[in-house]
Amino acid sequence: MSLQIISIILGSLTLASALMVVLSKHPVRSVIYLVITFFLITSMYIMMNAQFLAVVNMIVYAGAIMVLFLFVLMLLNLNKEVEPMATRGSQLAAFIAGGSLFLVLITALKDTLILGQSYRENHSQIGLVKELGNLLFSKYIVAFELTSILFIAAMVGAILLAKREKQIIE
């Protein structure tokens, strides 16, 4: 029972901090709320016995990507005077897009089954690194290799785009 209470508290704190990311007017505060959201998601991964995902989430998302976001925000030096004004049409389009995304999420999640304590007892090794590695290199090997090819193509594309801009400037 206490795990359910802790899960509910962590879930509500995660939702609240995620809402503050969207509702915050100051971009740096929004990034800090996003870091808090990632920390809360990491704690939920730990509660689900997914230590590898927790460590990767902490290092990659809360560490590297958020530092990158903060540097980009500081370099951009966003001001109210430079910021473009949102028109009624763009606000309406954003509201319709957000509402349709919400409806798609509700439709997708309406038939999901919430698994309780019996699932955790039967599969106590499910989130550990050994089980993840066995699954990744046996059942999902093709998807894993395709993802690595996609990452290599993205890196090559970024290098080519950076070289092209450098040649144009010179």
N, C-alpha and C. Protein backbone atom coordinates (compact mmCIF):
# COMPACT_ATOMS: atom_id res chain seq x y z
N MET A 1 0.81 -1.20 0.00
CA MET A 1 0.00 0.00 0.00
C MET A 1 0.86 1.27 0.00
N SER A 2 1.98 1.23 0.72
CA SER A 2 2.82 2.42 0.78
C SER A 2 3.49 2.70 -0.57
N LEU A 3 3.80 1.64 -1.35
CA LEU A 3 4.37 1.85 -2.69
C LEU A 3 3.37 2.54 -3.61
N GLN A 4 2.10 2.22 -3.46
CA GLN A 4 1.09 2.89 -4.28
C GLN A 4 0.98 4.36 -3.91
N ILE A 5 1.06 4.67 -2.63
CA ILE A 5 0.99 6.07 -2.20
C ILE A 5 2.19 6.84 -2.72
N ILE A 6 3.39 6.24 -2.61
CA ILE A 6 4.59 6.89 -3.12
C ILE A 6 4.49 7.07 -4.63
N SER A 7 3.97 6.08 -5.35
CA SER A 7 3.80 6.19 -6.80
C SER A 7 2.83 7.30 -7.16
N ILE A 8 1.75 7.41 -6.43
CA ILE A 8 0.77 8.48 -6.70
C ILE A 8 1.39 9.85 -6.43
N ILE A 9 2.16 9.97 -5.36
CA ILE A 9 2.80 11.24 -5.05
C ILE A 9 3.83 11.60 -6.13
N LEU A 10 4.66 10.62 -6.51
CA LEU A 10 5.65 10.89 -7.55
C LEU A 10 5.00 11.22 -8.89
N GLY A 11 3.93 10.50 -9.23
CA GLY A 11 3.22 10.78 -10.47
C GLY A 11 2.61 12.17 -10.50
N SER A 12 2.00 12.57 -9.38
CA SER A 12 1.39 13.90 -9.35
C SER A 12 2.45 15.00 -9.37
N LEU A 13 3.58 14.78 -8.68
CA LEU A 13 4.66 15.76 -8.74
C LEU A 13 5.25 15.85 -10.15
N THR A 14 5.35 14.70 -10.83
CA THR A 14 5.85 14.70 -12.20
C THR A 14 4.92 15.47 -13.12
N LEU A 15 3.62 15.23 -12.99
CA LEU A 15 2.66 15.97 -13.82
C LEU A 15 2.69 17.47 -13.52
N ALA A 16 2.81 17.83 -12.24
CA ALA A 16 2.84 19.24 -11.87
C ALA A 16 4.09 19.93 -12.43
N SER A 17 5.24 19.26 -12.32
CA SER A 17 6.45 19.90 -12.84
C SER A 17 6.44 19.95 -14.37
N ALA A 18 5.84 18.94 -15.02
CA ALA A 18 5.72 18.98 -16.48
C ALA A 18 4.79 20.11 -16.92
N LEU A 19 3.73 20.33 -16.17
CA LEU A 19 2.86 21.47 -16.48
C LEU A 19 3.57 22.79 -16.29
N MET A 20 4.42 22.88 -15.27
CA MET A 20 5.17 24.11 -15.05
C MET A 20 6.19 24.36 -16.17
N VAL A 21 6.66 23.29 -16.81
CA VAL A 21 7.55 23.47 -17.97
C VAL A 21 6.81 24.23 -19.06
N VAL A 22 5.57 23.86 -19.29
CA VAL A 22 4.79 24.46 -20.36
C VAL A 22 4.27 25.84 -19.97
N LEU A 23 3.87 26.00 -18.70
CA LEU A 23 3.22 27.23 -18.28
C LEU A 23 4.18 28.33 -17.84
N SER A 24 5.43 28.00 -17.63
CA SER A 24 6.39 28.99 -17.15
C SER A 24 6.68 30.02 -18.24
N LYS A 25 6.70 31.28 -17.87
CA LYS A 25 6.95 32.35 -18.83
C LYS A 25 8.44 32.53 -19.10
N HIS A 26 9.28 32.24 -18.12
CA HIS A 26 10.72 32.44 -18.24
C HIS A 26 11.36 31.15 -18.76
N PRO A 27 12.14 31.19 -19.85
CA PRO A 27 12.67 29.96 -20.44
C PRO A 27 13.65 29.20 -19.53
N VAL A 28 14.46 29.91 -18.75
CA VAL A 28 15.41 29.22 -17.87
C VAL A 28 14.65 28.48 -16.77
N ARG A 29 13.62 29.08 -16.24
CA ARG A 29 12.80 28.39 -15.23
C ARG A 29 12.13 27.16 -15.84
N SER A 30 11.71 27.28 -17.08
CA SER A 30 11.10 26.15 -17.76
C SER A 30 12.08 24.99 -17.89
N VAL A 31 13.32 25.28 -18.20
CA VAL A 31 14.35 24.23 -18.30
C VAL A 31 14.61 23.62 -16.93
N ILE A 32 14.62 24.43 -15.88
CA ILE A 32 14.83 23.90 -14.53
C ILE A 32 13.67 22.99 -14.12
N TYR A 33 12.45 23.38 -14.47
CA TYR A 33 11.31 22.50 -14.20
C TYR A 33 11.43 21.19 -15.00
N LEU A 34 11.99 21.27 -16.20
CA LEU A 34 12.19 20.06 -16.99
C LEU A 34 13.22 19.14 -16.35
N VAL A 35 14.27 19.71 -15.76
CA VAL A 35 15.25 18.91 -15.03
C VAL A 35 14.58 18.22 -13.84
N ILE A 36 13.74 18.94 -13.12
CA ILE A 36 13.01 18.35 -11.99
C ILE A 36 12.11 17.22 -12.48
N THR A 37 11.47 17.42 -13.62
CA THR A 37 10.63 16.37 -14.19
C THR A 37 11.44 15.13 -14.51
N PHE A 38 12.63 15.31 -15.08
CA PHE A 38 13.48 14.16 -15.37
C PHE A 38 13.94 13.45 -14.10
N PHE A 39 14.24 14.20 -13.04
CA PHE A 39 14.60 13.56 -11.78
C PHE A 39 13.45 12.74 -11.22
N LEU A 40 12.24 13.26 -11.32
CA LEU A 40 11.07 12.52 -10.82
C LEU A 40 10.81 11.28 -11.66
N ILE A 41 10.99 11.38 -12.98
CA ILE A 41 10.83 10.20 -13.83
C ILE A 41 11.89 9.16 -13.50
N THR A 42 13.11 9.61 -13.20
CA THR A 42 14.17 8.68 -12.80
C THR A 42 13.80 7.96 -11.52
N SER A 43 13.22 8.67 -10.57
CA SER A 43 12.81 8.01 -9.33
C SER A 43 11.69 7.01 -9.58
N MET A 44 10.83 7.29 -10.54
CA MET A 44 9.78 6.32 -10.87
C MET A 44 10.38 5.09 -11.55
N TYR A 45 11.41 5.26 -12.38
CA TYR A 45 12.10 4.11 -12.97
C TYR A 45 12.72 3.24 -11.89
N ILE A 46 13.31 3.86 -10.89
CA ILE A 46 13.90 3.10 -9.79
C ILE A 46 12.83 2.30 -9.05
N MET A 47 11.67 2.90 -8.86
CA MET A 47 10.59 2.19 -8.18
C MET A 47 10.08 1.01 -9.01
N MET A 48 10.20 1.09 -10.33
CA MET A 48 9.76 0.00 -11.20
C MET A 48 10.86 -1.03 -11.44
N ASN A 49 11.97 -0.92 -10.71
CA ASN A 49 13.09 -1.85 -10.81
C ASN A 49 13.75 -1.80 -12.19
N ALA A 50 13.79 -0.62 -12.78
CA ALA A 50 14.45 -0.43 -14.07
C ALA A 50 15.66 0.47 -13.85
N GLN A 51 16.70 -0.11 -13.23
CA GLN A 51 17.87 0.68 -12.86
C GLN A 51 18.62 1.23 -14.07
N PHE A 52 18.71 0.44 -15.12
CA PHE A 52 19.43 0.89 -16.31
C PHE A 52 18.75 2.12 -16.92
N LEU A 53 17.44 2.07 -17.05
CA LEU A 53 16.71 3.22 -17.59
C LEU A 53 16.86 4.45 -16.69
N ALA A 54 16.88 4.21 -15.38
CA ALA A 54 17.04 5.32 -14.44
C ALA A 54 18.40 5.99 -14.63
N VAL A 55 19.45 5.19 -14.74
CA VAL A 55 20.79 5.75 -14.90
C VAL A 55 20.93 6.46 -16.24
N VAL A 56 20.41 5.86 -17.29
CA VAL A 56 20.48 6.49 -18.62
C VAL A 56 19.67 7.79 -18.64
N ASN A 57 18.51 7.78 -18.03
CA ASN A 57 17.69 8.99 -17.97
C ASN A 57 18.41 10.09 -17.21
N MET A 58 19.06 9.73 -16.12
CA MET A 58 19.76 10.73 -15.32
C MET A 58 20.95 11.30 -16.07
N ILE A 59 21.76 10.43 -16.68
CA ILE A 59 22.98 10.90 -17.34
C ILE A 59 22.66 11.64 -18.64
N VAL A 60 21.85 11.02 -19.49
CA VAL A 60 21.63 11.58 -20.82
C VAL A 60 20.68 12.77 -20.78
N TYR A 61 19.50 12.58 -20.20
CA TYR A 61 18.51 13.64 -20.27
C TYR A 61 18.75 14.74 -19.24
N ALA A 62 18.79 14.37 -17.97
CA ALA A 62 18.95 15.39 -16.94
C ALA A 62 20.33 16.01 -16.96
N GLY A 63 21.32 15.27 -17.43
CA GLY A 63 22.67 15.81 -17.49
C GLY A 63 22.97 16.53 -18.77
N ALA A 64 23.18 15.78 -19.82
CA ALA A 64 23.71 16.35 -21.06
C ALA A 64 22.72 17.23 -21.80
N ILE A 65 21.51 16.76 -22.02
CA ILE A 65 20.56 17.52 -22.84
C ILE A 65 20.11 18.80 -22.14
N MET A 66 19.91 18.72 -20.83
CA MET A 66 19.48 19.93 -20.13
C MET A 66 20.59 20.97 -20.07
N VAL A 67 21.84 20.54 -19.93
CA VAL A 67 22.96 21.49 -19.99
C VAL A 67 23.01 22.14 -21.38
N LEU A 68 22.78 21.34 -22.40
CA LEU A 68 22.75 21.88 -23.76
C LEU A 68 21.62 22.90 -23.91
N PHE A 69 20.43 22.59 -23.40
CA PHE A 69 19.32 23.55 -23.46
C PHE A 69 19.66 24.84 -22.74
N LEU A 70 20.27 24.75 -21.55
CA LEU A 70 20.62 25.96 -20.82
C LEU A 70 21.63 26.80 -21.58
N PHE A 71 22.64 26.16 -22.18
CA PHE A 71 23.62 26.92 -22.95
C PHE A 71 22.97 27.59 -24.16
N VAL A 72 22.09 26.89 -24.84
CA VAL A 72 21.42 27.48 -26.01
C VAL A 72 20.56 28.67 -25.58
N LEU A 73 19.84 28.52 -24.48
CA LEU A 73 19.01 29.63 -24.00
C LEU A 73 19.86 30.83 -23.60
N MET A 74 20.99 30.57 -22.97
CA MET A 74 21.85 31.69 -22.58
C MET A 74 22.50 32.35 -23.80
N LEU A 75 22.82 31.55 -24.82
CA LEU A 75 23.40 32.13 -26.02
C LEU A 75 22.39 32.93 -26.83
N LEU A 76 21.14 32.47 -26.85
CA LEU A 76 20.13 33.17 -27.62
C LEU A 76 19.75 34.51 -27.01
N ASN A 77 19.82 34.62 -25.69
CA ASN A 77 19.49 35.84 -24.97
C ASN A 77 18.11 36.36 -25.38
N LEU A 78 17.09 35.55 -25.11
CA LEU A 78 15.74 35.89 -25.51
C LEU A 78 15.19 37.07 -24.72
N ASN A 79 14.59 38.01 -25.44
CA ASN A 79 13.97 39.18 -24.83
C ASN A 79 12.53 39.28 -25.29
N LYS A 80 11.73 40.00 -24.54
CA LYS A 80 10.32 40.20 -24.92
C LYS A 80 10.22 41.04 -26.19
N GLU A 81 11.16 41.97 -26.40
CA GLU A 81 11.09 42.84 -27.57
C GLU A 81 11.35 42.08 -28.87
N VAL A 82 12.22 41.07 -28.81
CA VAL A 82 12.60 40.31 -30.00
C VAL A 82 11.58 39.21 -30.30
N GLU A 83 10.87 38.77 -29.30
CA GLU A 83 9.93 37.65 -29.44
C GLU A 83 8.76 38.04 -30.34
N PRO A 84 8.43 37.20 -31.32
CA PRO A 84 7.30 37.52 -32.20
C PRO A 84 5.97 37.39 -31.46
N MET A 85 5.01 38.22 -31.86
CA MET A 85 3.69 38.18 -31.22
C MET A 85 2.87 37.05 -31.81
N ALA A 86 2.18 36.32 -30.96
CA ALA A 86 1.31 35.23 -31.41
C ALA A 86 -0.03 35.80 -31.85
N THR A 87 -0.45 35.43 -33.04
CA THR A 87 -1.74 35.90 -33.54
C THR A 87 -2.85 34.99 -33.06
N ARG A 88 -4.08 35.41 -33.23
CA ARG A 88 -5.23 34.58 -32.83
C ARG A 88 -5.28 33.28 -33.63
N GLY A 89 -4.90 33.34 -34.89
CA GLY A 89 -4.92 32.14 -35.73
C GLY A 89 -3.91 31.10 -35.26
N SER A 90 -2.72 31.56 -34.89
CA SER A 90 -1.71 30.61 -34.41
C SER A 90 -2.10 30.05 -33.04
N GLN A 91 -2.74 30.87 -32.20
CA GLN A 91 -3.20 30.37 -30.90
C GLN A 91 -4.31 29.34 -31.09
N LEU A 92 -5.21 29.59 -32.05
CA LEU A 92 -6.28 28.64 -32.32
C LEU A 92 -5.74 27.34 -32.89
N ALA A 93 -4.76 27.45 -33.79
CA ALA A 93 -4.13 26.25 -34.36
C ALA A 93 -3.42 25.44 -33.29
N ALA A 94 -2.75 26.12 -32.36
CA ALA A 94 -2.06 25.42 -31.27
C ALA A 94 -3.07 24.74 -30.35
N PHE A 95 -4.19 25.40 -30.09
CA PHE A 95 -5.22 24.80 -29.24
C PHE A 95 -5.84 23.57 -29.91
N ILE A 96 -6.10 23.65 -31.19
CA ILE A 96 -6.68 22.50 -31.91
C ILE A 96 -5.68 21.35 -31.97
N ALA A 97 -4.40 21.65 -32.22
CA ALA A 97 -3.38 20.60 -32.27
C ALA A 97 -3.21 19.94 -30.90
N GLY A 98 -3.18 20.74 -29.85
CA GLY A 98 -3.05 20.17 -28.50
C GLY A 98 -4.27 19.36 -28.11
N GLY A 99 -5.45 19.83 -28.46
CA GLY A 99 -6.67 19.09 -28.15
C GLY A 99 -6.75 17.78 -28.90
N SER A 100 -6.35 17.79 -30.17
CA SER A 100 -6.37 16.54 -30.93
C SER A 100 -5.33 15.56 -30.41
N LEU A 101 -4.16 16.04 -29.99
CA LEU A 101 -3.16 15.16 -29.37
C LEU A 101 -3.70 14.56 -28.08
N PHE A 102 -4.38 15.38 -27.29
CA PHE A 102 -4.99 14.88 -26.05
C PHE A 102 -6.03 13.80 -26.34
N LEU A 103 -6.86 14.00 -27.35
CA LEU A 103 -7.86 13.00 -27.71
C LEU A 103 -7.22 11.70 -28.20
N VAL A 104 -6.14 11.82 -28.98
CA VAL A 104 -5.44 10.62 -29.45
C VAL A 104 -4.84 9.86 -28.26
N LEU A 105 -4.26 10.57 -27.31
CA LEU A 105 -3.70 9.91 -26.12
C LEU A 105 -4.78 9.22 -25.30
N ILE A 106 -5.90 9.89 -25.10
CA ILE A 106 -7.00 9.29 -24.33
C ILE A 106 -7.53 8.05 -25.05
N THR A 107 -7.67 8.13 -26.36
CA THR A 107 -8.16 6.98 -27.13
C THR A 107 -7.17 5.82 -27.07
N ALA A 108 -5.88 6.13 -27.14
CA ALA A 108 -4.88 5.07 -27.10
C ALA A 108 -4.77 4.43 -25.73
N LEU A 109 -4.99 5.18 -24.69
CA LEU A 109 -4.80 4.67 -23.33
C LEU A 109 -6.08 4.15 -22.67
N LYS A 110 -7.21 4.23 -23.33
CA LYS A 110 -8.46 3.85 -22.67
C LYS A 110 -8.57 2.36 -22.42
N ASP A 111 -7.91 1.52 -23.22
CA ASP A 111 -8.01 0.08 -23.05
C ASP A 111 -6.78 -0.54 -22.41
N THR A 112 -5.89 0.29 -21.84
CA THR A 112 -4.69 -0.26 -21.24
C THR A 112 -5.02 -0.92 -19.91
N LEU A 113 -4.23 -1.90 -19.58
CA LEU A 113 -4.41 -2.64 -18.34
C LEU A 113 -3.34 -2.17 -17.36
N ILE A 114 -3.77 -1.77 -16.19
CA ILE A 114 -2.82 -1.34 -15.16
C ILE A 114 -2.44 -2.58 -14.37
N LEU A 115 -1.14 -2.91 -14.43
CA LEU A 115 -0.66 -4.12 -13.77
C LEU A 115 -0.27 -3.79 -12.34
N GLY A 116 -0.61 -4.66 -11.44
CA GLY A 116 -0.38 -4.41 -10.03
C GLY A 116 0.81 -5.17 -9.47
N GLN A 117 0.73 -5.49 -8.20
CA GLN A 117 1.82 -6.12 -7.47
C GLN A 117 2.14 -7.51 -7.98
N SER A 118 1.17 -8.27 -8.47
CA SER A 118 1.43 -9.63 -8.93
C SER A 118 2.40 -9.64 -10.11
N TYR A 119 2.36 -8.62 -10.95
CA TYR A 119 3.28 -8.53 -12.08
C TYR A 119 4.71 -8.36 -11.58
N ARG A 120 4.90 -7.51 -10.56
CA ARG A 120 6.23 -7.27 -10.03
C ARG A 120 6.80 -8.52 -9.38
N GLU A 121 5.96 -9.30 -8.72
CA GLU A 121 6.44 -10.50 -8.04
C GLU A 121 6.86 -11.57 -9.04
N ASN A 122 6.15 -11.70 -10.13
CA ASN A 122 6.47 -12.73 -11.12
C ASN A 122 7.66 -12.37 -11.98
N HIS A 123 7.90 -11.09 -12.19
CA HIS A 123 8.97 -10.65 -13.09
C HIS A 123 9.90 -9.69 -12.34
N SER A 124 10.57 -10.18 -11.32
CA SER A 124 11.41 -9.30 -10.51
C SER A 124 12.70 -8.90 -11.23
N GLN A 125 13.10 -9.62 -12.27
CA GLN A 125 14.34 -9.33 -12.98
C GLN A 125 14.11 -8.54 -14.27
N ILE A 126 12.91 -8.04 -14.49
CA ILE A 126 12.56 -7.49 -15.80
C ILE A 126 13.29 -6.19 -16.14
N GLY A 127 13.64 -5.36 -15.18
CA GLY A 127 14.26 -4.08 -15.52
C GLY A 127 15.75 -4.05 -15.35
N LEU A 128 16.36 -5.16 -15.03
CA LEU A 128 17.79 -5.18 -14.79
C LEU A 128 18.57 -5.18 -16.10
N VAL A 129 19.83 -4.79 -16.03
CA VAL A 129 20.65 -4.61 -17.22
C VAL A 129 20.86 -5.94 -17.95
N LYS A 130 21.04 -7.03 -17.21
CA LYS A 130 21.28 -8.33 -17.84
C LYS A 130 20.08 -8.75 -18.69
N GLU A 131 18.90 -8.61 -18.16
CA GLU A 131 17.69 -8.97 -18.91
C GLU A 131 17.48 -8.04 -20.10
N LEU A 132 17.77 -6.76 -19.91
CA LEU A 132 17.64 -5.80 -21.01
C LEU A 132 18.62 -6.12 -22.13
N GLY A 133 19.84 -6.46 -21.76
CA GLY A 133 20.84 -6.83 -22.78
C GLY A 133 20.46 -8.09 -23.52
N ASN A 134 19.97 -9.11 -22.79
CA ASN A 134 19.54 -10.34 -23.45
C ASN A 134 18.41 -10.08 -24.43
N LEU A 135 17.45 -9.27 -24.03
CA LEU A 135 16.32 -8.96 -24.90
C LEU A 135 16.75 -8.11 -26.09
N LEU A 136 17.64 -7.15 -25.83
CA LEU A 136 18.07 -6.23 -26.88
C LEU A 136 18.88 -6.93 -27.95
N PHE A 137 19.73 -7.87 -27.55
CA PHE A 137 20.59 -8.54 -28.52
C PHE A 137 20.04 -9.86 -29.00
N SER A 138 18.79 -10.18 -28.65
CA SER A 138 18.18 -11.40 -29.20
C SER A 138 16.91 -11.04 -29.98
N LYS A 139 15.90 -10.57 -29.29
CA LYS A 139 14.61 -10.32 -29.94
C LYS A 139 14.60 -9.02 -30.76
N TYR A 140 15.29 -7.99 -30.27
CA TYR A 140 15.24 -6.67 -30.91
C TYR A 140 16.55 -6.29 -31.59
N ILE A 141 17.31 -7.26 -32.07
CA ILE A 141 18.61 -6.96 -32.67
C ILE A 141 18.48 -6.15 -33.96
N VAL A 142 17.47 -6.42 -34.76
CA VAL A 142 17.31 -5.69 -36.03
C VAL A 142 16.97 -4.22 -35.76
N ALA A 143 16.06 -3.97 -34.83
CA ALA A 143 15.71 -2.59 -34.48
C ALA A 143 16.91 -1.87 -33.87
N PHE A 144 17.69 -2.57 -33.07
CA PHE A 144 18.88 -1.98 -32.46
C PHE A 144 19.89 -1.57 -33.53
N GLU A 145 20.13 -2.44 -34.49
CA GLU A 145 21.09 -2.13 -35.55
C GLU A 145 20.58 -1.02 -36.47
N LEU A 146 19.29 -1.02 -36.77
CA LEU A 146 18.72 0.05 -37.59
C LEU A 146 18.82 1.40 -36.89
N THR A 147 18.63 1.40 -35.58
CA THR A 147 18.77 2.63 -34.82
C THR A 147 20.20 3.14 -34.86
N SER A 148 21.17 2.24 -34.77
CA SER A 148 22.56 2.68 -34.84
C SER A 148 22.88 3.26 -36.22
N ILE A 149 22.34 2.66 -37.28
CA ILE A 149 22.54 3.20 -38.63
C ILE A 149 21.90 4.58 -38.76
N LEU A 150 20.73 4.76 -38.16
CA LEU A 150 20.06 6.06 -38.17
C LEU A 150 20.89 7.12 -37.46
N PHE A 151 21.48 6.76 -36.32
CA PHE A 151 22.32 7.71 -35.59
C PHE A 151 23.57 8.08 -36.40
N ILE A 152 24.17 7.11 -37.05
CA ILE A 152 25.35 7.41 -37.86
C ILE A 152 24.98 8.32 -39.03
N ALA A 153 23.84 8.06 -39.67
CA ALA A 153 23.40 8.93 -40.77
C ALA A 153 23.12 10.34 -40.28
N ALA A 154 22.56 10.47 -39.08
CA ALA A 154 22.29 11.80 -38.53
C ALA A 154 23.60 12.55 -38.24
N MET A 155 24.59 11.83 -37.72
CA MET A 155 25.88 12.48 -37.45
C MET A 155 26.57 12.91 -38.74
N VAL A 156 26.53 12.07 -39.76
CA VAL A 156 27.13 12.44 -41.04
C VAL A 156 26.40 13.64 -41.63
N GLY A 157 25.08 13.66 -41.56
CA GLY A 157 24.32 14.79 -42.06
C GLY A 157 24.63 16.08 -41.31
N ALA A 158 24.78 16.00 -40.00
CA ALA A 158 25.12 17.20 -39.22
C ALA A 158 26.50 17.71 -39.59
N ILE A 159 27.44 16.80 -39.81
CA ILE A 159 28.80 17.22 -40.20
C ILE A 159 28.77 17.88 -41.58
N LEU A 160 28.03 17.30 -42.52
CA LEU A 160 27.95 17.88 -43.86
C LEU A 160 27.28 19.25 -43.84
N LEU A 161 26.22 19.40 -43.03
CA LEU A 161 25.57 20.71 -42.93
C LEU A 161 26.49 21.75 -42.30
N ALA A 162 27.25 21.34 -41.29
CA ALA A 162 28.17 22.28 -40.66
C ALA A 162 29.29 22.68 -41.62
N LYS A 163 29.80 21.74 -42.41
CA LYS A 163 30.85 22.05 -43.38
C LYS A 163 30.33 22.97 -44.47
N ARG A 164 29.10 22.74 -44.92
CA ARG A 164 28.53 23.56 -46.00
C ARG A 164 28.39 25.00 -45.52
N GLU A 165 27.91 25.23 -44.30
CA GLU A 165 27.76 26.59 -43.79
C GLU A 165 29.13 27.27 -43.64
N LYS A 166 30.13 26.51 -43.24
CA LYS A 166 31.46 27.06 -43.07
C LYS A 166 32.04 27.48 -44.42
N GLN A 167 31.80 26.69 -45.47
CA GLN A 167 32.31 27.04 -46.80
C GLN A 167 31.60 28.27 -47.36
N ILE A 168 30.31 28.41 -47.06
CA ILE A 168 29.56 29.57 -47.55
C ILE A 168 30.06 30.84 -46.89
N ILE A 169 30.37 30.77 -45.60
CA ILE A 169 30.83 31.96 -44.86
C ILE A 169 32.18 32.43 -45.38
N GLU A 170 33.08 31.49 -45.66
CA GLU A 170 34.41 31.86 -46.15
C GLU A 170 34.31 32.33 -47.57
